[in-house]
Amino acid sequence: MTYSELIQILDSVHLPYAYHSFPEKQVPAPPYFVYYFAGTDNFAADNEVYAKIYNLTIELYTQNKNIAAETAIESALKSGKLFWNKTELYVESENAYEILYEMEVMING
């Protein structure tokens, strides 16, 4: 997958999103999501990185349990053939739900 293909998958969710965080005072009303690469788990061959494997995290923020927003993200990931794991928590200080999607993606170019 290329980075532009990943962006096409994220665009297909039709929710506001940003890489890592929105600029201060520009955070949209929920639901929205952020995505970032939390690290790598590269594959080695012949003493070098053969395949770059990125740990991709998507954080969905909602004020209430929002099945439609979760379904939109999950459908986009499924259409992109991305295998993900999901965690949900409530952030009291933000009065919001945070749904985490974690997966590994190979980015070429």
N, C-alpha and C. Protein backbone atom coordinates (compact mmCIF):
# COMPACT_ATOMS: atom_id res chain seq x y z
N MET A 1 0.84 -1.16 0.00
CA MET A 1 0.00 0.00 0.00
C MET A 1 0.89 1.24 0.00
N THR A 2 0.45 2.26 -0.71
CA THR A 2 1.17 3.53 -0.69
C THR A 2 0.52 4.44 0.35
N TYR A 3 1.22 5.50 0.71
CA TYR A 3 0.66 6.45 1.66
C TYR A 3 -0.61 7.09 1.08
N SER A 4 -0.61 7.38 -0.21
CA SER A 4 -1.81 7.98 -0.82
C SER A 4 -3.00 7.01 -0.80
N GLU A 5 -2.74 5.71 -0.90
CA GLU A 5 -3.83 4.73 -0.79
C GLU A 5 -4.39 4.71 0.64
N LEU A 6 -3.52 4.84 1.61
CA LEU A 6 -3.98 4.93 3.00
C LEU A 6 -4.86 6.16 3.18
N ILE A 7 -4.44 7.29 2.64
CA ILE A 7 -5.23 8.52 2.75
C ILE A 7 -6.59 8.35 2.08
N GLN A 8 -6.65 7.64 0.95
CA GLN A 8 -7.93 7.38 0.29
C GLN A 8 -8.86 6.58 1.20
N ILE A 9 -8.29 5.61 1.92
CA ILE A 9 -9.09 4.82 2.86
C ILE A 9 -9.63 5.72 3.97
N LEU A 10 -8.77 6.57 4.52
CA LEU A 10 -9.19 7.48 5.59
C LEU A 10 -10.22 8.49 5.09
N ASP A 11 -10.03 9.00 3.88
CA ASP A 11 -10.99 9.95 3.29
C ASP A 11 -12.38 9.32 3.15
N SER A 12 -12.42 8.02 2.88
CA SER A 12 -13.70 7.35 2.64
C SER A 12 -14.57 7.25 3.90
N VAL A 13 -14.01 7.55 5.06
CA VAL A 13 -14.78 7.52 6.31
C VAL A 13 -15.74 8.71 6.38
N HIS A 14 -15.39 9.82 5.74
CA HIS A 14 -16.22 11.03 5.71
C HIS A 14 -16.44 11.64 7.09
N LEU A 15 -15.37 11.65 7.89
CA LEU A 15 -15.35 12.35 9.17
C LEU A 15 -14.11 13.24 9.18
N PRO A 16 -14.13 14.33 9.94
CA PRO A 16 -12.91 15.14 10.04
C PRO A 16 -11.78 14.32 10.67
N TYR A 17 -10.56 14.50 10.15
CA TYR A 17 -9.41 13.80 10.72
C TYR A 17 -8.14 14.60 10.49
N ALA A 18 -7.13 14.22 11.28
CA ALA A 18 -5.82 14.88 11.17
C ALA A 18 -4.75 13.88 11.53
N TYR A 19 -3.53 14.17 11.12
CA TYR A 19 -2.40 13.35 11.54
C TYR A 19 -2.02 13.78 12.96
N HIS A 20 -2.05 12.88 13.85
CA HIS A 20 -1.67 12.99 15.26
C HIS A 20 -2.58 13.89 16.09
N SER A 21 -2.81 15.13 15.69
CA SER A 21 -3.68 16.02 16.45
C SER A 21 -4.09 17.19 15.58
N PHE A 22 -5.18 17.81 15.97
CA PHE A 22 -5.61 19.03 15.30
C PHE A 22 -4.87 20.21 15.93
N PRO A 23 -4.67 21.28 15.18
CA PRO A 23 -4.08 22.48 15.79
C PRO A 23 -4.97 22.99 16.92
N GLU A 24 -4.34 23.57 17.94
CA GLU A 24 -5.08 24.10 19.07
C GLU A 24 -6.16 25.07 18.60
N LYS A 25 -7.32 24.96 19.17
CA LYS A 25 -8.49 25.80 18.87
C LYS A 25 -9.09 25.50 17.50
N GLN A 26 -8.65 24.40 16.84
CA GLN A 26 -9.24 24.01 15.56
C GLN A 26 -9.79 22.59 15.63
N VAL A 27 -9.99 22.07 16.83
CA VAL A 27 -10.53 20.73 16.99
C VAL A 27 -12.01 20.77 16.64
N PRO A 28 -12.45 19.92 15.71
CA PRO A 28 -13.87 19.93 15.34
C PRO A 28 -14.72 19.28 16.43
N ALA A 29 -16.01 19.48 16.32
CA ALA A 29 -16.93 18.79 17.22
C ALA A 29 -16.90 17.30 16.91
N PRO A 30 -17.00 16.45 17.92
CA PRO A 30 -17.01 15.00 17.67
C PRO A 30 -18.25 14.61 16.86
N PRO A 31 -18.20 13.57 16.08
CA PRO A 31 -17.10 12.61 15.98
C PRO A 31 -16.01 13.09 15.02
N TYR A 32 -14.80 12.75 15.37
CA TYR A 32 -13.63 12.98 14.52
C TYR A 32 -12.58 11.94 14.90
N PHE A 33 -11.53 11.84 14.08
CA PHE A 33 -10.46 10.90 14.42
C PHE A 33 -9.11 11.48 14.06
N VAL A 34 -8.11 10.91 14.70
CA VAL A 34 -6.72 11.20 14.36
C VAL A 34 -6.03 9.88 14.06
N TYR A 35 -4.99 9.95 13.28
CA TYR A 35 -4.20 8.74 12.98
C TYR A 35 -2.73 9.09 13.11
N TYR A 36 -1.95 8.09 13.44
CA TYR A 36 -0.50 8.29 13.54
C TYR A 36 0.21 6.95 13.50
N PHE A 37 1.48 7.01 13.21
CA PHE A 37 2.32 5.82 13.19
C PHE A 37 3.06 5.77 14.52
N ALA A 38 2.72 4.79 15.36
CA ALA A 38 3.26 4.70 16.71
C ALA A 38 4.64 4.06 16.75
N GLY A 39 5.10 3.51 15.66
CA GLY A 39 6.40 2.85 15.60
C GLY A 39 6.45 1.93 14.40
N THR A 40 7.44 1.06 14.39
CA THR A 40 7.58 0.10 13.30
C THR A 40 7.86 -1.29 13.85
N ASP A 41 7.60 -2.26 13.02
CA ASP A 41 7.93 -3.66 13.29
C ASP A 41 8.44 -4.23 11.97
N ASN A 42 9.55 -3.67 11.50
CA ASN A 42 10.07 -3.97 10.17
C ASN A 42 10.49 -5.44 10.02
N PHE A 43 10.48 -5.88 8.77
CA PHE A 43 10.91 -7.23 8.43
C PHE A 43 12.31 -7.12 7.83
N ALA A 44 13.22 -7.93 8.34
CA ALA A 44 14.62 -7.88 7.89
C ALA A 44 14.94 -9.06 6.97
N ALA A 45 15.83 -8.79 6.04
CA ALA A 45 16.39 -9.83 5.17
C ALA A 45 17.77 -9.35 4.74
N ASP A 46 18.73 -10.27 4.74
CA ASP A 46 20.10 -9.94 4.34
C ASP A 46 20.65 -8.73 5.10
N ASN A 47 20.34 -8.69 6.39
CA ASN A 47 20.88 -7.65 7.28
C ASN A 47 20.42 -6.24 6.95
N GLU A 48 19.25 -6.10 6.39
CA GLU A 48 18.70 -4.77 6.12
C GLU A 48 17.19 -4.83 6.20
N VAL A 49 16.57 -3.66 6.22
CA VAL A 49 15.12 -3.61 6.24
C VAL A 49 14.61 -4.02 4.86
N TYR A 50 13.91 -5.13 4.84
CA TYR A 50 13.35 -5.64 3.59
C TYR A 50 11.95 -5.07 3.35
N ALA A 51 11.18 -4.97 4.43
CA ALA A 51 9.82 -4.44 4.33
C ALA A 51 9.57 -3.52 5.52
N LYS A 52 9.12 -2.29 5.24
CA LYS A 52 8.79 -1.34 6.30
C LYS A 52 7.35 -1.61 6.76
N ILE A 53 7.22 -1.99 8.01
CA ILE A 53 5.90 -2.29 8.58
C ILE A 53 5.64 -1.28 9.69
N TYR A 54 4.64 -0.44 9.49
CA TYR A 54 4.32 0.63 10.43
C TYR A 54 3.17 0.21 11.34
N ASN A 55 3.27 0.59 12.63
CA ASN A 55 2.18 0.39 13.58
C ASN A 55 1.27 1.61 13.49
N LEU A 56 0.13 1.43 12.85
CA LEU A 56 -0.81 2.51 12.63
C LEU A 56 -1.87 2.49 13.71
N THR A 57 -2.12 3.66 14.30
CA THR A 57 -3.18 3.82 15.28
C THR A 57 -4.17 4.86 14.78
N ILE A 58 -5.44 4.53 14.89
CA ILE A 58 -6.52 5.46 14.60
C ILE A 58 -7.30 5.64 15.90
N GLU A 59 -7.50 6.89 16.31
CA GLU A 59 -8.25 7.20 17.52
C GLU A 59 -9.51 7.95 17.13
N LEU A 60 -10.65 7.32 17.35
CA LEU A 60 -11.95 7.93 17.08
C LEU A 60 -12.47 8.54 18.38
N TYR A 61 -12.92 9.79 18.33
CA TYR A 61 -13.48 10.47 19.49
C TYR A 61 -14.95 10.80 19.25
N THR A 62 -15.80 10.41 20.21
CA THR A 62 -17.23 10.68 20.13
C THR A 62 -17.74 11.12 21.51
N GLN A 63 -18.82 11.88 21.54
CA GLN A 63 -19.39 12.28 22.82
C GLN A 63 -20.26 11.18 23.40
N ASN A 64 -20.91 10.42 22.54
CA ASN A 64 -21.74 9.30 22.94
C ASN A 64 -21.30 8.08 22.14
N LYS A 65 -21.71 6.92 22.57
CA LYS A 65 -21.42 5.71 21.78
C LYS A 65 -21.99 5.95 20.39
N ASN A 66 -21.13 5.86 19.36
CA ASN A 66 -21.53 6.22 18.00
C ASN A 66 -21.23 5.06 17.07
N ILE A 67 -22.18 4.17 16.97
CA ILE A 67 -22.03 2.97 16.14
C ILE A 67 -21.82 3.35 14.67
N ALA A 68 -22.49 4.39 14.20
CA ALA A 68 -22.35 4.80 12.79
C ALA A 68 -20.91 5.20 12.49
N ALA A 69 -20.28 5.97 13.37
CA ALA A 69 -18.89 6.40 13.16
C ALA A 69 -17.95 5.20 13.21
N GLU A 70 -18.16 4.30 14.17
CA GLU A 70 -17.32 3.11 14.26
C GLU A 70 -17.48 2.25 13.02
N THR A 71 -18.72 2.09 12.56
CA THR A 71 -18.98 1.28 11.36
C THR A 71 -18.32 1.90 10.14
N ALA A 72 -18.32 3.23 10.05
CA ALA A 72 -17.69 3.90 8.90
C ALA A 72 -16.20 3.61 8.87
N ILE A 73 -15.55 3.69 10.03
CA ILE A 73 -14.11 3.40 10.07
C ILE A 73 -13.86 1.93 9.78
N GLU A 74 -14.61 1.05 10.40
CA GLU A 74 -14.40 -0.38 10.20
C GLU A 74 -14.66 -0.80 8.77
N SER A 75 -15.66 -0.22 8.13
CA SER A 75 -15.94 -0.52 6.72
C SER A 75 -14.80 -0.05 5.82
N ALA A 76 -14.26 1.14 6.12
CA ALA A 76 -13.14 1.66 5.33
C ALA A 76 -11.92 0.77 5.49
N LEU A 77 -11.63 0.34 6.71
CA LEU A 77 -10.49 -0.54 6.94
C LEU A 77 -10.68 -1.88 6.25
N LYS A 78 -11.91 -2.40 6.31
CA LYS A 78 -12.20 -3.67 5.63
C LYS A 78 -12.03 -3.54 4.12
N SER A 79 -12.51 -2.43 3.56
CA SER A 79 -12.37 -2.25 2.11
C SER A 79 -10.91 -2.13 1.70
N GLY A 80 -10.07 -1.62 2.62
CA GLY A 80 -8.64 -1.53 2.35
C GLY A 80 -7.88 -2.79 2.72
N LYS A 81 -8.63 -3.83 3.14
CA LYS A 81 -8.04 -5.12 3.52
C LYS A 81 -7.03 -4.97 4.66
N LEU A 82 -7.38 -4.12 5.64
CA LEU A 82 -6.53 -3.91 6.80
C LEU A 82 -7.09 -4.67 7.99
N PHE A 83 -6.26 -5.45 8.64
CA PHE A 83 -6.65 -6.19 9.83
C PHE A 83 -6.36 -5.32 11.04
N TRP A 84 -7.35 -5.13 11.91
CA TRP A 84 -7.20 -4.22 13.04
C TRP A 84 -7.69 -4.87 14.31
N ASN A 85 -7.26 -4.30 15.43
CA ASN A 85 -7.78 -4.64 16.75
C ASN A 85 -8.34 -3.36 17.34
N LYS A 86 -9.38 -3.51 18.17
CA LYS A 86 -10.13 -2.36 18.66
C LYS A 86 -10.16 -2.36 20.19
N THR A 87 -9.99 -1.17 20.76
CA THR A 87 -10.10 -0.96 22.20
C THR A 87 -10.98 0.26 22.42
N GLU A 88 -11.81 0.21 23.45
CA GLU A 88 -12.67 1.35 23.76
C GLU A 88 -12.44 1.79 25.19
N LEU A 89 -12.41 3.12 25.39
CA LEU A 89 -12.34 3.64 26.75
C LEU A 89 -13.07 4.96 26.82
N TYR A 90 -13.39 5.35 28.04
CA TYR A 90 -14.05 6.62 28.26
C TYR A 90 -13.06 7.56 28.93
N VAL A 91 -12.89 8.75 28.37
CA VAL A 91 -11.95 9.74 28.90
C VAL A 91 -12.77 10.76 29.68
N GLU A 92 -12.79 10.61 30.99
CA GLU A 92 -13.62 11.48 31.83
C GLU A 92 -13.26 12.96 31.70
N SER A 93 -11.97 13.26 31.64
CA SER A 93 -11.55 14.66 31.56
C SER A 93 -12.04 15.33 30.27
N GLU A 94 -12.28 14.55 29.23
CA GLU A 94 -12.76 15.08 27.96
C GLU A 94 -14.25 14.85 27.77
N ASN A 95 -14.86 14.07 28.68
CA ASN A 95 -16.26 13.70 28.56
C ASN A 95 -16.53 13.10 27.17
N ALA A 96 -15.65 12.17 26.77
CA ALA A 96 -15.73 11.60 25.43
C ALA A 96 -15.29 10.14 25.43
N TYR A 97 -15.79 9.42 24.46
CA TYR A 97 -15.34 8.06 24.23
C TYR A 97 -14.16 8.10 23.26
N GLU A 98 -13.19 7.23 23.49
CA GLU A 98 -12.05 7.08 22.59
C GLU A 98 -12.04 5.63 22.14
N ILE A 99 -12.16 5.44 20.85
CA ILE A 99 -12.11 4.11 20.25
C ILE A 99 -10.78 4.01 19.52
N LEU A 100 -9.95 3.06 19.92
CA LEU A 100 -8.64 2.88 19.31
C LEU A 100 -8.67 1.72 18.32
N TYR A 101 -8.16 1.96 17.14
CA TYR A 101 -7.95 0.91 16.14
C TYR A 101 -6.45 0.81 15.93
N GLU A 102 -5.90 -0.36 16.15
CA GLU A 102 -4.46 -0.56 15.98
C GLU A 102 -4.23 -1.66 14.95
N MET A 103 -3.26 -1.41 14.08
CA MET A 103 -2.97 -2.35 13.00
C MET A 103 -1.56 -2.14 12.49
N GLU A 104 -1.09 -3.07 11.70
CA GLU A 104 0.20 -2.95 11.02
C GLU A 104 -0.05 -2.77 9.55
N VAL A 105 0.67 -1.82 8.93
CA VAL A 105 0.53 -1.60 7.49
C VAL A 105 1.91 -1.52 6.87
N MET A 106 2.01 -2.03 5.68
CA MET A 106 3.24 -1.91 4.89
C MET A 106 3.05 -0.73 3.96
N ILE A 107 3.89 0.27 4.09
CA ILE A 107 3.82 1.47 3.25
C ILE A 107 4.98 1.43 2.27
N ASN A 108 4.63 1.45 1.00
CA ASN A 108 5.64 1.47 -0.07
C ASN A 108 5.62 2.85 -0.71
N GLY A 109 6.71 3.53 -0.65
CA GLY A 109 6.83 4.81 -1.32
C GLY A 109 6.12 5.94 -0.64
